[in-house]
Amino acid sequence: MADLVPHPLVTRVGLDLAAKGSAELATPAQVLLRQLRVLSGQPVTFAMAVAAGDKDDECPKEKNDLAAELANLPAVPDLSLFAGFLGGPVKDKAKAEYRLLYLDSRLENWLLIPVKDIVVHERLEDDHAPSGMRDALWVRGAAMVVRGSGARSNEGRFLVGEFTRAADFAAATTGGTFSAATGLLCEATTPGCCWGSRSR
């Protein structure tokens, strides 16, 4: 049987938490980065390490060690999953960086998500999305996101948008009288994503 290797999402979350100061994950993340450096023969950036997470044949032992430490954390951060279409960067008055995520293909409904709270971003193939692609973002549940709709100036988004915790927004959009479809994007708790017809 081939070596079992952690899913790339697990590796990415582990690397991200290590990069953001997790003492428990620092050593296995550094070992993984060193091994990737040996394999590539050049300095390895965080982005290169994330890309290597998708290749099961690269550093399986080091990825397993990182995943084992992640599993052993007393408190893995609560993550919310959002899907939509990634827009541009936006800054608030205090110059904090946000990323605009459109929730529908008309670019009508949107979220502003603090960049520091985006743990993982992936662009996924989706036959039902424009250009056949949709963005999925794993965001810390405690992140304060801004939700709104309509065309606004970037400054205006903060004035009219509704501030809410990412985890609370996710919980608020999963209930109701709709029957859910299946698949990853249906886990993404953004309105209008992957919902079937209204049940009667």
N, C-alpha and C. Protein backbone atom coordinates (compact mmCIF):
# COMPACT_ATOMS: atom_id res chain seq x y z
N MET A 1 0.85 -1.18 0.00
CA MET A 1 0.00 0.00 0.00
C MET A 1 0.89 1.24 0.00
N ALA A 2 0.51 2.22 -0.80
CA ALA A 2 1.27 3.46 -0.89
C ALA A 2 1.18 4.22 0.43
N ASP A 3 2.18 5.06 0.67
CA ASP A 3 2.14 5.90 1.86
C ASP A 3 0.90 6.79 1.83
N LEU A 4 0.23 6.87 2.97
CA LEU A 4 -0.91 7.77 3.07
C LEU A 4 -0.37 9.17 3.39
N VAL A 5 -0.86 10.14 2.66
CA VAL A 5 -0.37 11.51 2.81
C VAL A 5 -1.55 12.40 3.15
N PRO A 6 -1.37 13.37 4.07
CA PRO A 6 -2.48 14.26 4.42
C PRO A 6 -3.00 15.02 3.20
N HIS A 7 -4.27 15.36 3.25
CA HIS A 7 -4.88 16.16 2.19
C HIS A 7 -4.16 17.52 2.11
N PRO A 8 -4.03 18.08 0.91
CA PRO A 8 -3.37 19.39 0.78
C PRO A 8 -3.97 20.48 1.67
N LEU A 9 -5.28 20.43 1.90
CA LEU A 9 -5.90 21.43 2.77
C LEU A 9 -5.32 21.36 4.18
N VAL A 10 -5.10 20.14 4.69
CA VAL A 10 -4.55 19.96 6.03
C VAL A 10 -3.13 20.52 6.08
N THR A 11 -2.34 20.21 5.04
CA THR A 11 -0.97 20.72 4.98
C THR A 11 -0.97 22.24 4.92
N ARG A 12 -1.85 22.81 4.12
CA ARG A 12 -1.90 24.27 3.97
C ARG A 12 -2.29 24.95 5.27
N VAL A 13 -3.29 24.40 5.96
CA VAL A 13 -3.71 25.00 7.23
C VAL A 13 -2.57 24.91 8.23
N GLY A 14 -1.88 23.78 8.29
CA GLY A 14 -0.75 23.63 9.20
C GLY A 14 0.36 24.63 8.91
N LEU A 15 0.70 24.80 7.63
CA LEU A 15 1.74 25.76 7.25
C LEU A 15 1.31 27.18 7.57
N ASP A 16 0.05 27.49 7.31
CA ASP A 16 -0.44 28.85 7.57
C ASP A 16 -0.40 29.16 9.06
N LEU A 17 -0.86 28.24 9.89
CA LEU A 17 -0.85 28.47 11.33
C LEU A 17 0.57 28.60 11.85
N ALA A 18 1.50 27.81 11.29
CA ALA A 18 2.91 27.93 11.69
C ALA A 18 3.45 29.30 11.29
N ALA A 19 3.12 29.75 10.08
CA ALA A 19 3.59 31.06 9.61
C ALA A 19 3.02 32.19 10.45
N LYS A 20 1.85 31.95 11.07
CA LYS A 20 1.21 33.00 11.87
C LYS A 20 1.50 32.84 13.36
N GLY A 21 2.52 32.03 13.69
CA GLY A 21 3.00 32.03 15.06
C GLY A 21 2.67 30.84 15.94
N SER A 22 2.10 29.76 15.40
CA SER A 22 1.82 28.60 16.23
C SER A 22 3.12 27.92 16.64
N ALA A 23 3.44 27.97 17.94
CA ALA A 23 4.69 27.39 18.44
C ALA A 23 4.73 25.88 18.23
N GLU A 24 3.57 25.22 18.39
CA GLU A 24 3.53 23.76 18.25
C GLU A 24 3.82 23.30 16.82
N LEU A 25 3.46 24.13 15.85
CA LEU A 25 3.62 23.74 14.45
C LEU A 25 4.91 24.27 13.82
N ALA A 26 5.63 25.13 14.55
CA ALA A 26 6.82 25.77 13.98
C ALA A 26 7.87 24.75 13.55
N THR A 27 8.20 23.80 14.41
CA THR A 27 9.27 22.85 14.09
C THR A 27 8.90 21.94 12.92
N PRO A 28 7.74 21.25 12.91
CA PRO A 28 7.44 20.40 11.76
C PRO A 28 7.30 21.20 10.46
N ALA A 29 6.83 22.44 10.53
CA ALA A 29 6.73 23.26 9.33
C ALA A 29 8.11 23.60 8.80
N GLN A 30 9.04 23.94 9.69
CA GLN A 30 10.41 24.25 9.27
C GLN A 30 11.10 23.03 8.68
N VAL A 31 10.86 21.86 9.26
CA VAL A 31 11.44 20.63 8.72
C VAL A 31 10.91 20.38 7.30
N LEU A 32 9.61 20.56 7.11
CA LEU A 32 9.02 20.39 5.78
C LEU A 32 9.62 21.38 4.79
N LEU A 33 9.75 22.64 5.18
CA LEU A 33 10.34 23.65 4.29
C LEU A 33 11.79 23.32 3.95
N ARG A 34 12.56 22.84 4.96
CA ARG A 34 13.96 22.46 4.70
C ARG A 34 14.04 21.32 3.70
N GLN A 35 13.17 20.31 3.87
CA GLN A 35 13.19 19.16 2.97
C GLN A 35 12.79 19.57 1.55
N LEU A 36 11.83 20.45 1.44
CA LEU A 36 11.45 20.95 0.11
C LEU A 36 12.59 21.74 -0.53
N ARG A 37 13.34 22.47 0.31
CA ARG A 37 14.50 23.21 -0.19
C ARG A 37 15.55 22.24 -0.73
N VAL A 38 15.78 21.14 -0.01
CA VAL A 38 16.74 20.13 -0.46
C VAL A 38 16.31 19.55 -1.80
N LEU A 39 15.02 19.23 -1.92
CA LEU A 39 14.51 18.63 -3.16
C LEU A 39 14.58 19.59 -4.35
N SER A 40 14.30 20.86 -4.10
CA SER A 40 14.26 21.81 -5.21
C SER A 40 15.61 22.45 -5.49
N GLY A 41 16.50 22.43 -4.50
CA GLY A 41 17.81 23.03 -4.69
C GLY A 41 17.79 24.55 -4.62
N GLN A 42 16.72 25.12 -4.11
CA GLN A 42 16.62 26.58 -4.01
C GLN A 42 15.78 26.94 -2.78
N PRO A 43 15.88 28.20 -2.34
CA PRO A 43 15.05 28.62 -1.21
C PRO A 43 13.56 28.41 -1.52
N VAL A 44 12.83 27.97 -0.52
CA VAL A 44 11.41 27.66 -0.70
C VAL A 44 10.58 28.73 0.00
N THR A 45 9.71 29.37 -0.76
CA THR A 45 8.80 30.35 -0.17
C THR A 45 7.57 29.62 0.37
N PHE A 46 6.79 30.35 1.16
CA PHE A 46 5.55 29.77 1.68
C PHE A 46 4.65 29.33 0.53
N ALA A 47 4.55 30.16 -0.52
CA ALA A 47 3.69 29.83 -1.67
C ALA A 47 4.16 28.54 -2.35
N MET A 48 5.48 28.36 -2.45
CA MET A 48 6.01 27.13 -3.06
C MET A 48 5.68 25.92 -2.19
N ALA A 49 5.74 26.10 -0.88
CA ALA A 49 5.42 25.00 0.03
C ALA A 49 3.96 24.62 -0.08
N VAL A 50 3.09 25.63 -0.21
CA VAL A 50 1.66 25.37 -0.38
C VAL A 50 1.43 24.59 -1.66
N ALA A 51 2.10 24.98 -2.76
CA ALA A 51 1.95 24.27 -4.03
C ALA A 51 2.45 22.84 -3.91
N ALA A 52 3.51 22.63 -3.16
CA ALA A 52 4.05 21.29 -2.98
C ALA A 52 3.09 20.42 -2.17
N GLY A 53 2.23 21.05 -1.40
CA GLY A 53 1.25 20.29 -0.62
C GLY A 53 0.33 19.47 -1.50
N ASP A 54 0.18 19.86 -2.76
CA ASP A 54 -0.69 19.15 -3.68
C ASP A 54 -0.04 17.90 -4.27
N LYS A 55 1.26 17.74 -4.06
CA LYS A 55 1.99 16.61 -4.66
C LYS A 55 2.24 15.56 -3.59
N ASP A 56 1.51 14.46 -3.67
CA ASP A 56 1.61 13.43 -2.65
C ASP A 56 3.00 12.79 -2.57
N ASP A 57 3.75 12.81 -3.67
CA ASP A 57 5.04 12.12 -3.68
C ASP A 57 6.16 12.97 -3.07
N GLU A 58 5.90 14.23 -2.74
CA GLU A 58 6.93 15.08 -2.16
C GLU A 58 6.78 15.16 -0.65
N CYS A 59 7.80 14.71 0.06
CA CYS A 59 7.91 14.84 1.52
C CYS A 59 6.75 14.24 2.30
N PRO A 60 6.36 12.99 2.01
CA PRO A 60 5.20 12.44 2.74
C PRO A 60 5.42 12.34 4.25
N LYS A 61 6.65 11.99 4.69
CA LYS A 61 6.90 11.88 6.13
C LYS A 61 6.76 13.23 6.81
N GLU A 62 7.34 14.27 6.22
CA GLU A 62 7.29 15.60 6.82
C GLU A 62 5.85 16.14 6.84
N LYS A 63 5.09 15.86 5.81
CA LYS A 63 3.68 16.30 5.78
C LYS A 63 2.88 15.57 6.85
N ASN A 64 3.17 14.28 7.03
CA ASN A 64 2.49 13.51 8.08
C ASN A 64 2.84 14.04 9.46
N ASP A 65 4.12 14.41 9.66
CA ASP A 65 4.53 14.95 10.95
C ASP A 65 3.81 16.27 11.24
N LEU A 66 3.70 17.13 10.23
CA LEU A 66 2.99 18.40 10.40
C LEU A 66 1.51 18.15 10.69
N ALA A 67 0.90 17.22 9.96
CA ALA A 67 -0.52 16.91 10.17
C ALA A 67 -0.76 16.31 11.54
N ALA A 68 0.19 15.50 12.03
CA ALA A 68 0.05 14.91 13.37
C ALA A 68 0.08 16.00 14.44
N GLU A 69 0.96 16.98 14.28
CA GLU A 69 1.02 18.09 15.25
C GLU A 69 -0.23 18.95 15.17
N LEU A 70 -0.74 19.16 13.95
CA LEU A 70 -1.99 19.92 13.80
C LEU A 70 -3.13 19.21 14.52
N ALA A 71 -3.20 17.88 14.35
CA ALA A 71 -4.26 17.10 15.00
C ALA A 71 -4.14 17.15 16.52
N ASN A 72 -2.91 17.35 17.02
CA ASN A 72 -2.66 17.34 18.45
C ASN A 72 -2.87 18.71 19.10
N LEU A 73 -3.14 19.73 18.31
CA LEU A 73 -3.35 21.06 18.88
C LEU A 73 -4.57 21.03 19.82
N PRO A 74 -4.46 21.69 20.95
CA PRO A 74 -5.60 21.71 21.87
C PRO A 74 -6.80 22.47 21.28
N ALA A 75 -6.53 23.41 20.39
CA ALA A 75 -7.62 24.19 19.80
C ALA A 75 -7.28 24.56 18.37
N VAL A 76 -7.77 23.78 17.42
CA VAL A 76 -7.62 24.14 16.02
C VAL A 76 -8.63 25.25 15.75
N PRO A 77 -8.21 26.30 15.05
CA PRO A 77 -9.15 27.41 14.86
C PRO A 77 -10.41 26.99 14.12
N ASP A 78 -11.52 27.58 14.53
CA ASP A 78 -12.80 27.37 13.88
C ASP A 78 -12.72 28.01 12.50
N LEU A 79 -13.02 27.25 11.45
CA LEU A 79 -12.96 27.76 10.09
C LEU A 79 -14.34 27.80 9.45
N SER A 80 -14.59 28.85 8.70
CA SER A 80 -15.81 28.96 7.89
C SER A 80 -15.38 28.91 6.43
N LEU A 81 -16.22 28.31 5.60
CA LEU A 81 -15.91 28.17 4.18
C LEU A 81 -16.87 29.04 3.38
N PHE A 82 -16.31 29.90 2.54
CA PHE A 82 -17.09 30.76 1.67
C PHE A 82 -16.70 30.50 0.23
N ALA A 83 -17.66 30.56 -0.67
CA ALA A 83 -17.38 30.38 -2.10
C ALA A 83 -17.98 31.54 -2.87
N GLY A 84 -17.28 31.93 -3.91
CA GLY A 84 -17.75 33.03 -4.74
C GLY A 84 -16.71 33.39 -5.77
N PHE A 85 -16.57 34.70 -6.03
CA PHE A 85 -15.67 35.19 -7.06
C PHE A 85 -14.80 36.28 -6.45
N LEU A 86 -13.51 36.00 -6.34
CA LEU A 86 -12.59 36.90 -5.66
C LEU A 86 -12.45 38.21 -6.42
N GLY A 87 -12.67 39.31 -5.71
CA GLY A 87 -12.49 40.63 -6.27
C GLY A 87 -11.17 41.23 -5.82
N GLY A 88 -11.11 42.54 -5.84
CA GLY A 88 -9.86 43.22 -5.53
C GLY A 88 -9.64 43.48 -4.05
N PRO A 89 -8.44 43.99 -3.74
CA PRO A 89 -8.14 44.36 -2.35
C PRO A 89 -8.84 45.67 -1.98
N VAL A 90 -9.22 45.78 -0.71
CA VAL A 90 -9.90 46.96 -0.19
C VAL A 90 -9.29 47.27 1.17
N LYS A 91 -9.11 48.56 1.48
CA LYS A 91 -8.61 48.96 2.79
C LYS A 91 -9.65 49.82 3.50
N ASP A 92 -9.74 49.64 4.82
CA ASP A 92 -10.63 50.50 5.59
C ASP A 92 -9.89 51.77 5.99
N LYS A 93 -10.53 52.64 6.78
CA LYS A 93 -9.90 53.91 7.16
C LYS A 93 -8.62 53.71 7.95
N ALA A 94 -8.55 52.61 8.70
CA ALA A 94 -7.35 52.32 9.48
C ALA A 94 -6.28 51.61 8.65
N LYS A 95 -6.51 51.48 7.36
CA LYS A 95 -5.59 50.83 6.41
C LYS A 95 -5.48 49.32 6.60
N ALA A 96 -6.44 48.72 7.32
CA ALA A 96 -6.48 47.26 7.43
C ALA A 96 -6.87 46.70 6.06
N GLU A 97 -6.25 45.59 5.67
CA GLU A 97 -6.48 45.01 4.35
C GLU A 97 -7.61 43.99 4.37
N TYR A 98 -8.52 44.14 3.43
CA TYR A 98 -9.64 43.23 3.22
C TYR A 98 -9.58 42.73 1.79
N ARG A 99 -10.28 41.62 1.54
CA ARG A 99 -10.44 41.13 0.17
C ARG A 99 -11.93 41.05 -0.12
N LEU A 100 -12.32 41.55 -1.28
CA LEU A 100 -13.71 41.52 -1.70
C LEU A 100 -14.03 40.16 -2.31
N LEU A 101 -15.11 39.54 -1.86
CA LEU A 101 -15.57 38.28 -2.42
C LEU A 101 -17.01 38.48 -2.87
N TYR A 102 -17.24 38.38 -4.18
CA TYR A 102 -18.60 38.47 -4.71
C TYR A 102 -19.26 37.10 -4.53
N LEU A 103 -20.49 37.11 -4.07
CA LEU A 103 -21.19 35.87 -3.77
C LEU A 103 -22.04 35.36 -4.91
N ASP A 104 -22.21 36.17 -5.96
CA ASP A 104 -23.01 35.73 -7.10
C ASP A 104 -22.36 36.26 -8.38
N SER A 105 -22.76 35.66 -9.50
CA SER A 105 -22.13 36.00 -10.78
C SER A 105 -22.60 37.35 -11.33
N ARG A 106 -23.59 37.97 -10.70
CA ARG A 106 -24.00 39.32 -11.10
C ARG A 106 -23.18 40.38 -10.37
N LEU A 107 -22.31 39.93 -9.45
CA LEU A 107 -21.46 40.80 -8.63
C LEU A 107 -22.31 41.77 -7.81
N GLU A 108 -23.47 41.28 -7.36
CA GLU A 108 -24.43 42.09 -6.61
C GLU A 108 -24.19 41.96 -5.10
N ASN A 109 -24.10 40.74 -4.60
CA ASN A 109 -23.91 40.49 -3.17
C ASN A 109 -22.42 40.25 -2.91
N TRP A 110 -21.93 40.75 -1.79
CA TRP A 110 -20.50 40.68 -1.55
C TRP A 110 -20.18 40.56 -0.05
N LEU A 111 -18.96 40.12 0.19
CA LEU A 111 -18.37 40.10 1.53
C LEU A 111 -17.02 40.81 1.47
N LEU A 112 -16.66 41.49 2.54
CA LEU A 112 -15.30 41.97 2.73
C LEU A 112 -14.70 41.10 3.83
N ILE A 113 -13.59 40.45 3.51
CA ILE A 113 -12.97 39.49 4.43
C ILE A 113 -11.57 39.99 4.79
N PRO A 114 -11.24 40.12 6.09
CA PRO A 114 -9.89 40.56 6.46
C PRO A 114 -8.84 39.57 5.91
N VAL A 115 -7.85 40.12 5.22
CA VAL A 115 -6.82 39.27 4.62
C VAL A 115 -6.12 38.43 5.67
N LYS A 116 -5.88 38.99 6.85
CA LYS A 116 -5.16 38.27 7.90
C LYS A 116 -5.94 37.05 8.39
N ASP A 117 -7.24 36.99 8.12
CA ASP A 117 -8.07 35.87 8.58
C ASP A 117 -8.36 34.83 7.50
N ILE A 118 -7.83 35.03 6.29
CA ILE A 118 -7.97 34.02 5.24
C ILE A 118 -6.88 32.98 5.45
N VAL A 119 -7.29 31.76 5.78
CA VAL A 119 -6.32 30.70 6.07
C VAL A 119 -5.88 30.02 4.78
N VAL A 120 -6.83 29.68 3.91
CA VAL A 120 -6.52 29.01 2.65
C VAL A 120 -7.44 29.57 1.57
N HIS A 121 -6.89 29.75 0.38
CA HIS A 121 -7.68 30.13 -0.79
C HIS A 121 -7.39 29.13 -1.90
N GLU A 122 -8.45 28.67 -2.56
CA GLU A 122 -8.30 27.79 -3.72
C GLU A 122 -9.25 28.22 -4.81
N ARG A 123 -8.78 28.18 -6.05
CA ARG A 123 -9.66 28.43 -7.19
C ARG A 123 -10.03 27.06 -7.75
N LEU A 124 -11.32 26.76 -7.73
CA LEU A 124 -11.80 25.43 -8.09
C LEU A 124 -12.57 25.44 -9.39
N GLU A 125 -12.49 24.34 -10.11
CA GLU A 125 -13.29 24.20 -11.32
C GLU A 125 -14.75 24.03 -10.94
N ASP A 126 -15.63 24.72 -11.66
CA ASP A 126 -17.06 24.64 -11.40
C ASP A 126 -17.78 24.89 -12.73
N ASP A 127 -18.38 23.84 -13.26
CA ASP A 127 -19.05 23.95 -14.56
C ASP A 127 -20.19 24.95 -14.56
N HIS A 128 -20.72 25.28 -13.38
CA HIS A 128 -21.86 26.18 -13.30
C HIS A 128 -21.46 27.63 -13.06
N ALA A 129 -20.16 27.90 -12.99
CA ALA A 129 -19.68 29.26 -12.72
C ALA A 129 -19.15 29.90 -14.00
N PRO A 130 -19.20 31.23 -14.08
CA PRO A 130 -18.59 31.91 -15.23
C PRO A 130 -17.11 31.54 -15.35
N SER A 131 -16.66 31.33 -16.57
CA SER A 131 -15.29 30.91 -16.85
C SER A 131 -14.95 29.55 -16.25
N GLY A 132 -15.95 28.86 -15.72
CA GLY A 132 -15.73 27.52 -15.19
C GLY A 132 -14.92 27.47 -13.91
N MET A 133 -14.83 28.59 -13.17
CA MET A 133 -14.03 28.63 -11.95
C MET A 133 -14.79 29.35 -10.84
N ARG A 134 -14.55 28.93 -9.61
CA ARG A 134 -15.12 29.59 -8.43
C ARG A 134 -14.04 29.57 -7.35
N ASP A 135 -13.99 30.61 -6.54
CA ASP A 135 -13.02 30.70 -5.45
C ASP A 135 -13.61 30.16 -4.16
N ALA A 136 -12.82 29.41 -3.42
CA ALA A 136 -13.22 28.94 -2.09
C ALA A 136 -12.21 29.49 -1.09
N LEU A 137 -12.72 30.09 -0.03
CA LEU A 137 -11.86 30.66 1.01
C LEU A 137 -12.22 30.05 2.36
N TRP A 138 -11.21 29.55 3.04
CA TRP A 138 -11.36 29.08 4.41
C TRP A 138 -10.94 30.24 5.30
N VAL A 139 -11.87 30.71 6.13
CA VAL A 139 -11.69 31.93 6.91
C VAL A 139 -11.86 31.59 8.39
N ARG A 140 -11.06 32.22 9.23
CA ARG A 140 -11.21 32.01 10.67
C ARG A 140 -12.62 32.38 11.11
N GLY A 141 -13.24 31.52 11.90
CA GLY A 141 -14.61 31.74 12.32
C GLY A 141 -14.79 33.03 13.11
N ALA A 142 -13.73 33.47 13.81
CA ALA A 142 -13.82 34.69 14.63
C ALA A 142 -13.64 35.96 13.81
N ALA A 143 -13.32 35.83 12.52
CA ALA A 143 -13.09 37.01 11.68
C ALA A 143 -14.36 37.85 11.58
N MET A 144 -14.19 39.16 11.61
CA MET A 144 -15.32 40.08 11.40
C MET A 144 -15.39 40.40 9.92
N VAL A 145 -16.42 39.89 9.26
CA VAL A 145 -16.61 40.14 7.83
C VAL A 145 -17.70 41.19 7.66
N VAL A 146 -17.67 41.85 6.51
CA VAL A 146 -18.67 42.86 6.20
C VAL A 146 -19.50 42.32 5.04
N ARG A 147 -20.82 42.27 5.24
CA ARG A 147 -21.72 41.72 4.23
C ARG A 147 -22.59 42.84 3.67
N GLY A 148 -22.75 42.84 2.35
CA GLY A 148 -23.59 43.87 1.76
C GLY A 148 -23.99 43.52 0.35
N SER A 149 -24.68 44.44 -0.29
CA SER A 149 -25.11 44.22 -1.67
C SER A 149 -25.14 45.55 -2.40
N GLY A 150 -25.13 45.46 -3.70
CA GLY A 150 -25.22 46.64 -4.54
C GLY A 150 -23.87 47.27 -4.81
N ALA A 151 -23.85 48.12 -5.82
CA ALA A 151 -22.63 48.83 -6.18
C ALA A 151 -22.35 49.90 -5.13
N ARG A 152 -21.14 49.91 -4.62
CA ARG A 152 -20.72 50.87 -3.60
C ARG A 152 -19.28 51.26 -3.87
N SER A 153 -18.91 52.44 -3.39
CA SER A 153 -17.48 52.75 -3.35
C SER A 153 -16.87 51.87 -2.28
N ASN A 154 -15.57 51.68 -2.33
CA ASN A 154 -14.95 50.83 -1.31
C ASN A 154 -15.15 51.41 0.08
N GLU A 155 -15.07 52.73 0.22
CA GLU A 155 -15.31 53.35 1.52
C GLU A 155 -16.77 53.16 1.94
N GLY A 156 -17.68 53.25 0.97
CA GLY A 156 -19.10 53.10 1.25
C GLY A 156 -19.47 51.70 1.71
N ARG A 157 -18.71 50.70 1.29
CA ARG A 157 -19.01 49.32 1.71
C ARG A 157 -18.95 49.19 3.23
N PHE A 158 -17.99 49.90 3.86
CA PHE A 158 -17.87 49.83 5.31
C PHE A 158 -18.98 50.60 6.01
N LEU A 159 -19.56 51.59 5.32
CA LEU A 159 -20.61 52.40 5.92
C LEU A 159 -21.97 51.70 5.87
N VAL A 160 -22.25 50.97 4.79
CA VAL A 160 -23.57 50.36 4.63
C VAL A 160 -23.57 48.86 4.91
N GLY A 161 -22.40 48.25 4.92
CA GLY A 161 -22.33 46.80 5.12
C GLY A 161 -22.62 46.41 6.56
N GLU A 162 -23.01 45.16 6.73
CA GLU A 162 -23.33 44.62 8.05
C GLU A 162 -22.14 43.83 8.55
N PHE A 163 -21.59 44.21 9.71
CA PHE A 163 -20.46 43.50 10.31
C PHE A 163 -20.99 42.28 11.06
N THR A 164 -20.36 41.14 10.85
CA THR A 164 -20.75 39.93 11.56
C THR A 164 -19.55 38.98 11.61
N ARG A 165 -19.53 38.11 12.61
CA ARG A 165 -18.48 37.08 12.68
C ARG A 165 -18.69 36.10 11.54
N ALA A 166 -17.58 35.63 10.96
CA ALA A 166 -17.67 34.68 9.85
C ALA A 166 -18.46 33.45 10.26
N ALA A 167 -18.24 32.94 11.47
CA ALA A 167 -18.95 31.74 11.92
C ALA A 167 -20.44 31.99 12.07
N ASP A 168 -20.81 33.19 12.51
CA ASP A 168 -22.24 33.52 12.66
C ASP A 168 -22.90 33.68 11.29
N PHE A 169 -22.19 34.28 10.34
CA PHE A 169 -22.72 34.41 8.99
C PHE A 169 -22.93 33.03 8.39
N ALA A 170 -21.96 32.15 8.59
CA ALA A 170 -22.06 30.80 8.05
C ALA A 170 -23.27 30.08 8.63
N ALA A 171 -23.47 30.21 9.94
CA ALA A 171 -24.60 29.53 10.58
C ALA A 171 -25.93 30.09 10.10
N ALA A 172 -25.97 31.38 9.84
CA ALA A 172 -27.22 32.03 9.44
C ALA A 172 -27.64 31.64 8.03
N THR A 173 -26.73 31.16 7.21
CA THR A 173 -27.08 30.86 5.82
C THR A 173 -27.25 29.38 5.54
N THR A 174 -27.14 28.53 6.55
CA THR A 174 -27.26 27.10 6.29
C THR A 174 -28.65 26.54 6.55
N GLY A 175 -29.48 27.25 7.24
CA GLY A 175 -30.81 26.74 7.55
C GLY A 175 -31.81 27.09 6.48
N GLY A 176 -33.08 26.99 6.80
CA GLY A 176 -34.11 27.40 5.86
C GLY A 176 -34.84 26.24 5.23
N THR A 177 -35.66 26.55 4.25
CA THR A 177 -36.53 25.54 3.65
C THR A 177 -36.02 25.11 2.28
N PHE A 178 -34.72 25.09 2.13
CA PHE A 178 -34.13 24.66 0.87
C PHE A 178 -33.48 23.31 1.07
N SER A 179 -33.48 22.50 0.02
CA SER A 179 -32.77 21.22 0.11
C SER A 179 -31.40 21.41 -0.51
N ALA A 180 -30.38 21.01 0.21
CA ALA A 180 -29.01 21.22 -0.24
C ALA A 180 -28.61 20.16 -1.24
N ALA A 181 -27.75 20.57 -2.17
CA ALA A 181 -27.12 19.61 -3.07
C ALA A 181 -25.91 19.05 -2.35
N THR A 182 -25.04 18.36 -3.07
CA THR A 182 -23.88 17.78 -2.42
C THR A 182 -22.62 18.36 -3.02
N GLY A 183 -21.50 18.12 -2.34
CA GLY A 183 -20.21 18.55 -2.87
C GLY A 183 -19.60 19.66 -2.04
N LEU A 184 -18.31 19.93 -2.32
CA LEU A 184 -17.55 20.91 -1.56
C LEU A 184 -18.21 22.27 -1.57
N LEU A 185 -18.62 22.74 -2.73
CA LEU A 185 -19.16 24.09 -2.79
C LEU A 185 -20.47 24.22 -2.04
N CYS A 186 -21.12 23.12 -1.76
CA CYS A 186 -22.35 23.17 -0.98
C CYS A 186 -22.03 23.30 0.50
N GLU A 187 -20.78 23.00 0.88
CA GLU A 187 -20.36 23.27 2.25
C GLU A 187 -20.16 24.76 2.44
N ALA A 188 -19.85 25.46 1.36
CA ALA A 188 -19.60 26.89 1.44
C ALA A 188 -20.91 27.57 1.76
N THR A 189 -20.91 28.30 2.84
CA THR A 189 -22.18 28.83 3.34
C THR A 189 -22.40 30.24 2.84
N THR A 190 -22.45 30.39 1.53
CA THR A 190 -22.77 31.68 0.95
C THR A 190 -24.13 31.58 0.29
N PRO A 191 -24.96 32.61 0.40
CA PRO A 191 -26.33 32.54 -0.13
C PRO A 191 -26.34 32.22 -1.62
N GLY A 192 -27.26 31.38 -2.00
CA GLY A 192 -27.44 31.08 -3.42
C GLY A 192 -26.47 30.06 -3.97
N CYS A 193 -25.54 29.59 -3.16
CA CYS A 193 -24.56 28.63 -3.66
C CYS A 193 -25.08 27.21 -3.48
N CYS A 194 -25.24 26.53 -4.57
CA CYS A 194 -25.55 25.10 -4.54
C CYS A 194 -26.88 24.76 -3.89
N TRP A 195 -27.84 25.62 -3.93
CA TRP A 195 -29.13 25.29 -3.35
C TRP A 195 -30.09 24.89 -4.45
N GLY A 196 -30.86 23.86 -4.17
CA GLY A 196 -31.82 23.37 -5.14
C GLY A 196 -33.13 24.13 -5.05
N SER A 197 -34.15 23.51 -5.53
CA SER A 197 -35.46 24.17 -5.52
C SER A 197 -36.06 24.16 -4.14
N ARG A 198 -36.98 25.07 -3.93
CA ARG A 198 -37.66 25.21 -2.64
C ARG A 198 -38.53 23.97 -2.38
N SER A 199 -38.43 23.45 -1.16
CA SER A 199 -39.28 22.31 -0.82
C SER A 199 -40.67 22.80 -0.45
N ARG A 200 -41.67 21.96 -0.64
CA ARG A 200 -43.05 22.38 -0.33
C ARG A 200 -43.61 21.56 0.80
